[in-house]
């Protein structure tokens, strides 16, 4: 097979699979961003609960952290909103790639 034939065959494969790969990458990135933001929020809530148990049950013990330095939830809204947008774009791209593949099956 000539080099031009290999390039052409490769380009056909790229056109077929690139939307699906991009959709998977976008959805993975959106989920990863959401989980990375929620990780800090949920750990803060868990630590606050543990501190309350320590305060109520063991009055002579010092709580685990100072609750006054927590970051307000409003600082986490923008990264989560961006991640949701990326996730939705990935889903729509995946749906489009699936619809295109069902209309024009390559096999």
PDB file of N, CA and C in Angstrom:
ATOM      1  N   UNK A   1       0.849  -1.170   0.000  1.00  0.00           N
ATOM      2  CA  UNK A   1       0.000   0.000   0.000  1.00  0.00           C
ATOM      3  C   UNK A   1       0.894   1.233   0.000  1.00  0.00           C
ATOM      4  N   UNK A   2       0.537   2.193  -0.779  1.00  0.00           N
ATOM      5  CA  UNK A   2       1.350   3.399  -0.874  1.00  0.00           C
ATOM      6  C   UNK A   2       1.119   4.284   0.336  1.00  0.00           C
ATOM      7  N   UNK A   3       1.988   5.282   0.464  1.00  0.00           N
ATOM      8  CA  UNK A   3       1.877   6.217   1.595  1.00  0.00           C
ATOM      9  C   UNK A   3       0.588   7.019   1.510  1.00  0.00           C
ATOM     10  N   UNK A   4       0.169   7.385   0.308  1.00  0.00           N
ATOM     11  CA  UNK A   4      -1.077   8.125   0.135  1.00  0.00           C
ATOM     12  C   UNK A   4      -2.268   7.271   0.555  1.00  0.00           C
ATOM     13  N   UNK A   5      -2.228   5.998   0.250  1.00  0.00           N
ATOM     14  CA  UNK A   5      -3.308   5.091   0.651  1.00  0.00           C
ATOM     15  C   UNK A   5      -3.387   4.952   2.160  1.00  0.00           C
ATOM     16  N   UNK A   6      -2.235   4.920   2.832  1.00  0.00           N
ATOM     17  CA  UNK A   6      -2.221   4.841   4.292  1.00  0.00           C
ATOM     18  C   UNK A   6      -2.772   6.115   4.921  1.00  0.00           C
ATOM     19  N   UNK A   7      -2.396   7.245   4.349  1.00  0.00           N
ATOM     20  CA  UNK A   7      -2.898   8.515   4.869  1.00  0.00           C
ATOM     21  C   UNK A   7      -4.411   8.598   4.677  1.00  0.00           C
ATOM     22  N   UNK A   8      -4.868   8.175   3.533  1.00  0.00           N
ATOM     23  CA  UNK A   8      -6.309   8.200   3.263  1.00  0.00           C
ATOM     24  C   UNK A   8      -7.054   7.265   4.211  1.00  0.00           C
ATOM     25  N   UNK A   9      -6.540   6.070   4.425  1.00  0.00           N
ATOM     26  CA  UNK A   9      -7.184   5.122   5.337  1.00  0.00           C
ATOM     27  C   UNK A   9      -7.175   5.666   6.769  1.00  0.00           C
ATOM     28  N   UNK A  10      -6.077   6.291   7.140  1.00  0.00           N
ATOM     29  CA  UNK A  10      -5.995   6.898   8.464  1.00  0.00           C
ATOM     30  C   UNK A  10      -6.985   8.039   8.627  1.00  0.00           C
ATOM     31  N   UNK A  11      -7.129   8.850   7.592  1.00  0.00           N
ATOM     32  CA  UNK A  11      -8.063   9.982   7.657  1.00  0.00           C
ATOM     33  C   UNK A  11      -9.511   9.498   7.762  1.00  0.00           C
ATOM     34  N   UNK A  12      -9.827   8.405   7.087  1.00  0.00           N
ATOM     35  CA  UNK A  12     -11.174   7.837   7.183  1.00  0.00           C
ATOM     36  C   UNK A  12     -11.444   7.387   8.616  1.00  0.00           C
ATOM     37  N   UNK A  13     -10.457   6.751   9.239  1.00  0.00           N
ATOM     38  CA  UNK A  13     -10.619   6.316  10.633  1.00  0.00           C
ATOM     39  C   UNK A  13     -10.749   7.506  11.580  1.00  0.00           C
ATOM     40  N   UNK A  14      -9.975   8.562  11.344  1.00  0.00           N
ATOM     41  CA  UNK A  14     -10.046   9.755  12.193  1.00  0.00           C
ATOM     42  C   UNK A  14     -11.423  10.390  12.085  1.00  0.00           C
ATOM     43  N   UNK A  15     -11.945  10.527  10.867  1.00  0.00           N
ATOM     44  CA  UNK A  15     -13.261  11.129  10.690  1.00  0.00           C
ATOM     45  C   UNK A  15     -14.351  10.288  11.342  1.00  0.00           C
ATOM     46  N   UNK A  16     -14.168   8.985  11.395  1.00  0.00           N
ATOM     47  CA  UNK A  16     -15.189   8.119  11.970  1.00  0.00           C
ATOM     48  C   UNK A  16     -15.167   8.155  13.500  1.00  0.00           C
ATOM     49  N   UNK A  17     -13.982   8.139  14.102  1.00  0.00           N
ATOM     50  CA  UNK A  17     -13.882   7.976  15.555  1.00  0.00           C
ATOM     51  C   UNK A  17     -13.596   9.256  16.332  1.00  0.00           C
ATOM     52  N   UNK A  18     -13.185  10.319  15.678  1.00  0.00           N
ATOM     53  CA  UNK A  18     -12.822  11.539  16.398  1.00  0.00           C
ATOM     54  C   UNK A  18     -13.978  12.142  17.184  1.00  0.00           C
ATOM     55  N   UNK A  19     -15.201  12.245  16.651  1.00  0.00           N
ATOM     56  CA  UNK A  19     -16.282  12.809  17.486  1.00  0.00           C
ATOM     57  C   UNK A  19     -16.556  11.989  18.747  1.00  0.00           C
ATOM     58  N   UNK A  20     -16.504  10.685  18.644  1.00  0.00           N
ATOM     59  CA  UNK A  20     -16.744   9.845  19.822  1.00  0.00           C
ATOM     60  C   UNK A  20     -15.627  10.006  20.850  1.00  0.00           C
ATOM     61  N   UNK A  21     -14.398  10.099  20.390  1.00  0.00           N
ATOM     62  CA  UNK A  21     -13.272  10.284  21.305  1.00  0.00           C
ATOM     63  C   UNK A  21     -13.332  11.658  21.965  1.00  0.00           C
ATOM     64  N   UNK A  22     -13.695  12.677  21.186  1.00  0.00           N
ATOM     65  CA  UNK A  22     -13.824  14.015  21.763  1.00  0.00           C
ATOM     66  C   UNK A  22     -14.958  14.060  22.782  1.00  0.00           C
ATOM     67  N   UNK A  23     -16.081  13.395  22.494  1.00  0.00           N
ATOM     68  CA  UNK A  23     -17.207  13.369  23.429  1.00  0.00           C
ATOM     69  C   UNK A  23     -16.807  12.688  24.729  1.00  0.00           C
ATOM     70  N   UNK A  24     -16.100  11.576  24.623  1.00  0.00           N
ATOM     71  CA  UNK A  24     -15.658  10.870  25.834  1.00  0.00           C
ATOM     72  C   UNK A  24     -14.684  11.724  26.632  1.00  0.00           C
ATOM     73  N   UNK A  25     -13.789  12.405  25.950  1.00  0.00           N
ATOM     74  CA  UNK A  25     -12.830  13.267  26.639  1.00  0.00           C
ATOM     75  C   UNK A  25     -13.503  14.445  27.330  1.00  0.00           C
ATOM     76  N   UNK A  26     -14.463  15.058  26.667  1.00  0.00           N
ATOM     77  CA  UNK A  26     -15.188  16.181  27.274  1.00  0.00           C
ATOM     78  C   UNK A  26     -16.000  15.728  28.479  1.00  0.00           C
ATOM     79  N   UNK A  27     -16.680  14.595  28.366  1.00  0.00           N
ATOM     80  CA  UNK A  27     -17.467  14.108  29.499  1.00  0.00           C
ATOM     81  C   UNK A  27     -16.559  13.725  30.666  1.00  0.00           C
ATOM     82  N   UNK A  28     -15.433  13.092  30.374  1.00  0.00           N
ATOM     83  CA  UNK A  28     -14.483  12.749  31.430  1.00  0.00           C
ATOM     84  C   UNK A  28     -13.951  14.007  32.105  1.00  0.00           C
ATOM     85  N   UNK A  29     -13.611  15.017  31.317  1.00  0.00           N
ATOM     86  CA  UNK A  29     -13.103  16.265  31.891  1.00  0.00           C
ATOM     87  C   UNK A  29     -14.136  16.969  32.746  1.00  0.00           C
ATOM     88  N   UNK A  30     -15.390  16.988  32.302  1.00  0.00           N
ATOM     89  CA  UNK A  30     -16.445  17.619  33.085  1.00  0.00           C
ATOM     90  C   UNK A  30     -16.695  16.899  34.401  1.00  0.00           C
ATOM     91  N   UNK A  31     -16.769  15.579  34.351  1.00  0.00           N
ATOM     92  CA  UNK A  31     -16.973  14.803  35.576  1.00  0.00           C
ATOM     93  C   UNK A  31     -15.788  14.951  36.510  1.00  0.00           C
ATOM     94  N   UNK A  32     -14.593  14.942  35.966  1.00  0.00           N
ATOM     95  CA  UNK A  32     -13.396  15.091  36.786  1.00  0.00           C
ATOM     96  C   UNK A  32     -13.375  16.453  37.485  1.00  0.00           C
ATOM     97  N   UNK A  33     -13.750  17.502  36.777  1.00  0.00           N
ATOM     98  CA  UNK A  33     -13.781  18.847  37.371  1.00  0.00           C
ATOM     99  C   UNK A  33     -14.831  18.936  38.472  1.00  0.00           C
ATOM    100  N   UNK A  34     -16.010  18.379  38.222  1.00  0.00           N
ATOM    101  CA  UNK A  34     -17.063  18.400  39.239  1.00  0.00           C
ATOM    102  C   UNK A  34     -16.629  17.644  40.485  1.00  0.00           C
ATOM    103  N   UNK A  35     -16.059  16.469  40.299  1.00  0.00           N
ATOM    104  CA  UNK A  35     -15.618  15.686  41.457  1.00  0.00           C
ATOM    105  C   UNK A  35     -14.473  16.353  42.204  1.00  0.00           C
ATOM    106  N   UNK A  36     -13.588  17.022  41.482  1.00  0.00           N
ATOM    107  CA  UNK A  36     -12.472  17.685  42.164  1.00  0.00           C
ATOM    108  C   UNK A  36     -12.948  18.860  43.007  1.00  0.00           C
ATOM    109  N   UNK A  37     -13.997  19.555  42.563  1.00  0.00           N
ATOM    110  CA  UNK A  37     -14.555  20.647  43.366  1.00  0.00           C
ATOM    111  C   UNK A  37     -15.355  20.088  44.536  1.00  0.00           C
ATOM    112  N   UNK A  38     -16.169  19.062  44.279  1.00  0.00           N
ATOM    113  CA  UNK A  38     -16.989  18.489  45.338  1.00  0.00           C
ATOM    114  C   UNK A  38     -16.162  17.785  46.403  1.00  0.00           C
ATOM    115  N   UNK A  39     -14.971  17.353  46.029  1.00  0.00           N
ATOM    116  CA  UNK A  39     -14.102  16.677  46.996  1.00  0.00           C
ATOM    117  C   UNK A  39     -13.810  17.594  48.182  1.00  0.00           C
ATOM    118  N   UNK A  40     -13.509  18.841  47.924  1.00  0.00           N
ATOM    119  CA  UNK A  40     -13.200  19.773  48.999  1.00  0.00           C
ATOM    120  C   UNK A  40     -14.451  20.180  49.767  1.00  0.00           C
ATOM    121  N   UNK A  41     -15.565  20.341  49.064  1.00  0.00           N
ATOM    122  CA  UNK A  41     -16.807  20.695  49.749  1.00  0.00           C
ATOM    123  C   UNK A  41     -17.269  19.568  50.676  1.00  0.00           C
ATOM    124  N   UNK A  42     -17.239  18.340  50.181  1.00  0.00           N
ATOM    125  CA  UNK A  42     -17.698  17.213  50.985  1.00  0.00           C
ATOM    126  C   UNK A  42     -16.752  16.912  52.141  1.00  0.00           C
ATOM    127  N   UNK A  43     -15.462  17.087  51.928  1.00  0.00           N
ATOM    128  CA  UNK A  43     -14.531  16.869  53.040  1.00  0.00           C
ATOM    129  C   UNK A  43     -14.713  17.934  54.112  1.00  0.00           C
ATOM    130  N   UNK A  44     -15.049  19.162  53.724  1.00  0.00           N
ATOM    131  CA  UNK A  44     -15.324  20.212  54.703  1.00  0.00           C
ATOM    132  C   UNK A  44     -16.572  19.913  55.517  1.00  0.00           C
ATOM    133  N   UNK A  45     -17.619  19.398  54.845  1.00  0.00           N
ATOM    134  CA  UNK A  45     -18.848  19.040  55.550  1.00  0.00           C
ATOM    135  C   UNK A  45     -18.592  17.871  56.504  1.00  0.00           C
ATOM    136  N   UNK A  46     -17.836  16.879  56.052  1.00  0.00           N
ATOM    137  CA  UNK A  46     -17.520  15.744  56.916  1.00  0.00           C
ATOM    138  C   UNK A  46     -16.699  16.190  58.120  1.00  0.00           C
ATOM    139  N   UNK A  47     -15.736  17.068  57.906  1.00  0.00           N
ATOM    140  CA  UNK A  47     -14.904  17.543  59.008  1.00  0.00           C
ATOM    141  C   UNK A  47     -15.711  18.373  60.001  1.00  0.00           C
ATOM    142  N   UNK A  48     -16.657  19.149  59.503  1.00  0.00           N
ATOM    143  CA  UNK A  48     -17.532  19.911  60.397  1.00  0.00           C
ATOM    144  C   UNK A  48     -18.376  18.965  61.244  1.00  0.00           C
ATOM    145  N   UNK A  49     -18.880  17.896  60.645  1.00  0.00           N
ATOM    146  CA  UNK A  49     -19.643  16.903  61.409  1.00  0.00           C
ATOM    147  C   UNK A  49     -18.805  16.220  62.464  1.00  0.00           C
ATOM    148  N   UNK A  50     -17.578  15.866  62.127  1.00  0.00           N
ATOM    149  CA  UNK A  50     -16.673  15.236  63.096  1.00  0.00           C
ATOM    150  C   UNK A  50     -16.362  16.204  64.225  1.00  0.00           C
ATOM    151  N   UNK A  51     -16.166  17.469  63.902  1.00  0.00           N
ATOM    152  CA  UNK A  51     -15.910  18.472  64.940  1.00  0.00           C
ATOM    153  C   UNK A  51     -17.096  18.607  65.890  1.00  0.00           C
ATOM    154  N   UNK A  52     -18.309  18.531  65.363  1.00  0.00           N
ATOM    155  CA  UNK A  52     -19.485  18.612  66.227  1.00  0.00           C
ATOM    156  C   UNK A  52     -19.556  17.419  67.172  1.00  0.00           C
ATOM    157  N   UNK A  53     -19.219  16.228  66.671  1.00  0.00           N
ATOM    158  CA  UNK A  53     -19.191  15.049  67.537  1.00  0.00           C
ATOM    159  C   UNK A  53     -18.138  15.223  68.625  1.00  0.00           C
ATOM    160  N   UNK A  54     -16.987  15.744  68.273  1.00  0.00           N
ATOM    161  CA  UNK A  54     -15.927  15.975  69.264  1.00  0.00           C
ATOM    162  C   UNK A  54     -16.376  17.013  70.283  1.00  0.00           C
ATOM    163  N   UNK A  55     -17.006  18.087  69.835  1.00  0.00           N
ATOM    164  CA  UNK A  55     -17.463  19.126  70.763  1.00  0.00           C
ATOM    165  C   UNK A  55     -18.542  18.618  71.715  1.00  0.00           C
ATOM    166  N   UNK A  56     -19.475  17.815  71.194  1.00  0.00           N
ATOM    167  CA  UNK A  56     -20.584  17.344  72.026  1.00  0.00           C
ATOM    168  C   UNK A  56     -20.203  16.162  72.913  1.00  0.00           C
ATOM    169  N   UNK A  57     -19.406  15.252  72.399  1.00  0.00           N
ATOM    170  CA  UNK A  57     -19.093  14.032  73.137  1.00  0.00           C
ATOM    171  C   UNK A  57     -17.843  14.094  73.980  1.00  0.00           C
ATOM    172  N   UNK A  58     -16.869  14.842  73.534  1.00  0.00           N
ATOM    173  CA  UNK A  58     -15.576  14.891  74.222  1.00  0.00           C
ATOM    174  C   UNK A  58     -15.216  16.347  74.454  1.00  0.00           C
ATOM    175  N   UNK A  59     -15.755  16.908  75.480  1.00  0.00           N
ATOM    176  CA  UNK A  59     -15.603  18.344  75.714  1.00  0.00           C
ATOM    177  C   UNK A  59     -14.169  18.754  76.047  1.00  0.00           C
ATOM    178  N   UNK A  60     -13.347  17.831  76.522  1.00  0.00           N
ATOM    179  CA  UNK A  60     -11.976  18.183  76.876  1.00  0.00           C
ATOM    180  C   UNK A  60     -11.016  18.075  75.691  1.00  0.00           C
ATOM    181  N   UNK A  61     -11.490  17.628  74.523  1.00  0.00           N
ATOM    182  CA  UNK A  61     -10.642  17.481  73.334  1.00  0.00           C
ATOM    183  C   UNK A  61     -10.759  18.707  72.439  1.00  0.00           C
ATOM    184  N   UNK A  62      -9.707  18.968  71.672  1.00  0.00           N
ATOM    185  CA  UNK A  62      -9.685  20.094  70.738  1.00  0.00           C
ATOM    186  C   UNK A  62     -10.231  19.609  69.389  1.00  0.00           C
ATOM    187  N   UNK A  63     -11.109  20.393  68.741  1.00  0.00           N
ATOM    188  CA  UNK A  63     -11.599  19.983  67.411  1.00  0.00           C
ATOM    189  C   UNK A  63     -10.460  19.867  66.401  1.00  0.00           C
ATOM    190  N   UNK A  64     -10.752  19.215  65.286  1.00  0.00           N
ATOM    191  CA  UNK A  64      -9.735  18.918  64.285  1.00  0.00           C
ATOM    192  C   UNK A  64      -9.255  20.136  63.525  1.00  0.00           C
ATOM    193  N   UNK A  65     -10.116  21.093  63.293  1.00  0.00           N
ATOM    194  CA  UNK A  65      -9.721  22.266  62.515  1.00  0.00           C
ATOM    195  C   UNK A  65     -10.470  23.487  63.006  1.00  0.00           C
ATOM    196  N   UNK A  66     -10.005  24.637  62.565  1.00  0.00           N
ATOM    197  CA  UNK A  66     -10.698  25.877  62.845  1.00  0.00           C
ATOM    198  C   UNK A  66     -11.717  26.101  61.733  1.00  0.00           C
ATOM    199  N   UNK A  67     -13.002  26.115  62.058  1.00  0.00           N
ATOM    200  CA  UNK A  67     -14.055  26.225  61.051  1.00  0.00           C
ATOM    201  C   UNK A  67     -14.180  27.616  60.458  1.00  0.00           C
ATOM    202  N   UNK A  68     -13.506  28.581  60.993  1.00  0.00           N
ATOM    203  CA  UNK A  68     -13.698  29.958  60.548  1.00  0.00           C
ATOM    204  C   UNK A  68     -12.942  30.283  59.264  1.00  0.00           C
ATOM    205  N   UNK A  69     -12.058  29.415  58.796  1.00  0.00           N
ATOM    206  CA  UNK A  69     -11.264  29.709  57.607  1.00  0.00           C
ATOM    207  C   UNK A  69     -11.776  28.979  56.373  1.00  0.00           C
ATOM    208  N   UNK A  70     -12.978  28.456  56.447  1.00  0.00           N
ATOM    209  CA  UNK A  70     -13.535  27.730  55.299  1.00  0.00           C
ATOM    210  C   UNK A  70     -13.853  28.701  54.156  1.00  0.00           C
ATOM    211  N   UNK A  71     -13.670  28.233  52.935  1.00  0.00           N
ATOM    212  CA  UNK A  71     -13.963  29.032  51.744  1.00  0.00           C
ATOM    213  C   UNK A  71     -15.468  29.005  51.504  1.00  0.00           C
ATOM    214  N   UNK A  72     -16.102  30.135  51.237  1.00  0.00           N
ATOM    215  CA  UNK A  72     -17.547  30.134  50.977  1.00  0.00           C
ATOM    216  C   UNK A  72     -17.892  29.323  49.724  1.00  0.00           C
ATOM    217  N   UNK A  73     -19.096  28.790  49.715  1.00  0.00           N
ATOM    218  CA  UNK A  73     -19.512  27.935  48.604  1.00  0.00           C
ATOM    219  C   UNK A  73     -19.598  28.709  47.298  1.00  0.00           C
ATOM    220  N   UNK A  74     -19.732  30.030  47.357  1.00  0.00           N
ATOM    221  CA  UNK A  74     -19.867  30.805  46.120  1.00  0.00           C
ATOM    222  C   UNK A  74     -18.598  30.762  45.267  1.00  0.00           C
ATOM    223  N   UNK A  75     -17.457  30.468  45.882  1.00  0.00           N
ATOM    224  CA  UNK A  75     -16.222  30.370  45.104  1.00  0.00           C
ATOM    225  C   UNK A  75     -16.159  29.073  44.297  1.00  0.00           C
ATOM    226  N   UNK A  76     -17.005  28.114  44.626  1.00  0.00           N
ATOM    227  CA  UNK A  76     -16.995  26.840  43.913  1.00  0.00           C
ATOM    228  C   UNK A  76     -18.021  26.794  42.785  1.00  0.00           C
ATOM    229  N   UNK A  77     -18.884  27.788  42.702  1.00  0.00           N
ATOM    230  CA  UNK A  77     -19.960  27.767  41.718  1.00  0.00           C
ATOM    231  C   UNK A  77     -19.420  27.888  40.293  1.00  0.00           C
ATOM    232  N   UNK A  78     -18.480  28.780  40.055  1.00  0.00           N
ATOM    233  CA  UNK A  78     -17.979  29.005  38.696  1.00  0.00           C
ATOM    234  C   UNK A  78     -17.280  27.762  38.118  1.00  0.00           C
ATOM    235  N   UNK A  79     -16.380  27.078  38.850  1.00  0.00           N
ATOM    236  CA  UNK A  79     -15.798  25.858  38.262  1.00  0.00           C
ATOM    237  C   UNK A  79     -16.830  24.757  38.018  1.00  0.00           C
ATOM    238  N   UNK A  80     -17.812  24.627  38.913  1.00  0.00           N
ATOM    239  CA  UNK A  80     -18.835  23.609  38.696  1.00  0.00           C
ATOM    240  C   UNK A  80     -19.690  23.959  37.481  1.00  0.00           C
ATOM    241  N   UNK A  81     -20.036  25.234  37.313  1.00  0.00           N
ATOM    242  CA  UNK A  81     -20.829  25.646  36.146  1.00  0.00           C
ATOM    243  C   UNK A  81     -20.061  25.401  34.849  1.00  0.00           C
ATOM    244  N   UNK A  82     -18.776  25.715  34.843  1.00  0.00           N
ATOM    245  CA  UNK A  82     -17.960  25.435  33.660  1.00  0.00           C
ATOM    246  C   UNK A  82     -17.872  23.956  33.368  1.00  0.00           C
ATOM    247  N   UNK A  83     -17.761  23.144  34.422  1.00  0.00           N
ATOM    248  CA  UNK A  83     -17.689  21.699  34.234  1.00  0.00           C
ATOM    249  C   UNK A  83     -19.008  21.148  33.700  1.00  0.00           C
ATOM    250  N   UNK A  84     -20.116  21.693  34.154  1.00  0.00           N
ATOM    251  CA  UNK A  84     -21.421  21.239  33.656  1.00  0.00           C
ATOM    252  C   UNK A  84     -21.569  21.595  32.181  1.00  0.00           C
ATOM    253  N   UNK A  85     -21.095  22.769  31.795  1.00  0.00           N
ATOM    254  CA  UNK A  85     -21.148  23.156  30.380  1.00  0.00           C
ATOM    255  C   UNK A  85     -20.318  22.205  29.530  1.00  0.00           C
ATOM    256  N   UNK A  86     -19.106  21.883  29.985  1.00  0.00           N
ATOM    257  CA  UNK A  86     -18.243  20.956  29.245  1.00  0.00           C
ATOM    258  C   UNK A  86     -18.894  19.580  29.169  1.00  0.00           C
ATOM    259  N   UNK A  87     -19.501  19.133  30.264  1.00  0.00           N
ATOM    260  CA  UNK A  87     -20.166  17.839  30.294  1.00  0.00           C
ATOM    261  C   UNK A  87     -21.338  17.796  29.323  1.00  0.00           C
ATOM    262  N   UNK A  88     -22.136  18.844  29.290  1.00  0.00           N
ATOM    263  CA  UNK A  88     -23.296  18.885  28.384  1.00  0.00           C
ATOM    264  C   UNK A  88     -22.844  18.936  26.924  1.00  0.00           C
ATOM    265  N   UNK A  89     -21.803  19.702  26.632  1.00  0.00           N
ATOM    266  CA  UNK A  89     -21.280  19.737  25.261  1.00  0.00           C
ATOM    267  C   UNK A  89     -20.772  18.355  24.853  1.00  0.00           C
ATOM    268  N   UNK A  90     -20.102  17.672  25.768  1.00  0.00           N
ATOM    269  CA  UNK A  90     -19.636  16.313  25.481  1.00  0.00           C
ATOM    270  C   UNK A  90     -20.784  15.358  25.229  1.00  0.00           C
ATOM    271  N   UNK A  91     -21.865  15.490  25.998  1.00  0.00           N
ATOM    272  CA  UNK A  91     -23.029  14.622  25.785  1.00  0.00           C
ATOM    273  C   UNK A  91     -23.684  14.885  24.435  1.00  0.00           C
ATOM    274  N   UNK A  92     -23.843  16.168  24.090  1.00  0.00           N
ATOM    275  CA  UNK A  92     -24.441  16.486  22.793  1.00  0.00           C
ATOM    276  C   UNK A  92     -23.551  16.026  21.644  1.00  0.00           C
ATOM    277  N   UNK A  93     -22.258  16.156  21.793  1.00  0.00           N
ATOM    278  CA  UNK A  93     -21.345  15.678  20.756  1.00  0.00           C
ATOM    279  C   UNK A  93     -21.436  14.159  20.623  1.00  0.00           C
ATOM    280  N   UNK A  94     -21.540  13.476  21.749  1.00  0.00           N
ATOM    281  CA  UNK A  94     -21.690  12.022  21.708  1.00  0.00           C
ATOM    282  C   UNK A  94     -22.999  11.594  21.077  1.00  0.00           C
ATOM    283  N   UNK A  95     -24.085  12.305  21.400  1.00  0.00           N
ATOM    284  CA  UNK A  95     -25.368  11.988  20.771  1.00  0.00           C
ATOM    285  C   UNK A  95     -25.340  12.246  19.274  1.00  0.00           C
ATOM    286  N   UNK A  96     -24.688  13.345  18.876  1.00  0.00           N
ATOM    287  CA  UNK A  96     -24.572  13.638  17.451  1.00  0.00           C
ATOM    288  C   UNK A  96     -23.742  12.567  16.733  1.00  0.00           C
ATOM    289  N   UNK A  97     -22.636  12.151  17.354  1.00  0.00           N
ATOM    290  CA  UNK A  97     -21.791  11.125  16.738  1.00  0.00           C
ATOM    291  C   UNK A  97     -22.545   9.801  16.633  1.00  0.00           C
ATOM    292  N   UNK A  98     -23.334   9.478  17.646  1.00  0.00           N
ATOM    293  CA  UNK A  98     -24.118   8.247  17.611  1.00  0.00           C
ATOM    294  C   UNK A  98     -25.181   8.313  16.524  1.00  0.00           C
ATOM    295  N   UNK A  99     -25.879   9.445  16.416  1.00  0.00           N
ATOM    296  CA  UNK A  99     -26.905   9.594  15.372  1.00  0.00           C
ATOM    297  C   UNK A  99     -26.282   9.537  13.982  1.00  0.00           C
ATOM    298  N   UNK A 100     -25.125  10.154  13.824  1.00  0.00           N
ATOM    299  CA  UNK A 100     -24.442  10.138  12.529  1.00  0.00           C
ATOM    300  C   UNK A 100     -23.997   8.716  12.177  1.00  0.00           C
ATOM    301  N   UNK A 101     -23.526   7.982  13.165  1.00  0.00           N
ATOM    302  CA  UNK A 101     -23.064   6.627  12.931  1.00  0.00           C
ATOM    303  C   UNK A 101     -24.226   5.702  12.602  1.00  0.00           C
ATOM    304  N   UNK A 102     -25.398   5.941  13.177  1.00  0.00           N
ATOM    305  CA  UNK A 102     -26.559   5.103  12.865  1.00  0.00           C
ATOM    306  C   UNK A 102     -27.129   5.408  11.479  1.00  0.00           C
ATOM    307  N   UNK A 103     -26.987   6.656  11.021  1.00  0.00           N
ATOM    308  CA  UNK A 103     -27.474   7.000   9.686  1.00  0.00           C
ATOM    309  C   UNK A 103     -26.559   6.480   8.597  1.00  0.00           C
ATOM    310  N   UNK A 104     -25.262   6.527   8.853  1.00  0.00           N
ATOM    311  CA  UNK A 104     -24.261   6.109   7.852  1.00  0.00           C
ATOM    312  C   UNK A 104     -23.357   5.049   8.458  1.00  0.00           C
ATOM    313  N   UNK A 105     -23.813   3.825   8.601  1.00  0.00           N
ATOM    314  CA  UNK A 105     -22.937   2.802   9.183  1.00  0.00           C
ATOM    315  C   UNK A 105     -21.775   2.495   8.246  1.00  0.00           C
ATOM    316  N   UNK A 106     -20.618   2.389   8.820  1.00  0.00           N
ATOM    317  CA  UNK A 106     -19.413   2.152   8.002  1.00  0.00           C
ATOM    318  C   UNK A 106     -19.155   0.687   7.771  1.00  0.00           C
ATOM    319  N   UNK A 107     -19.846  -0.168   8.505  1.00  0.00           N
ATOM    320  CA  UNK A 107     -19.578  -1.614   8.371  1.00  0.00           C
ATOM    321  C   UNK A 107     -20.663  -2.274   7.602  1.00  0.00           C
TER     322      UNK A 107
END
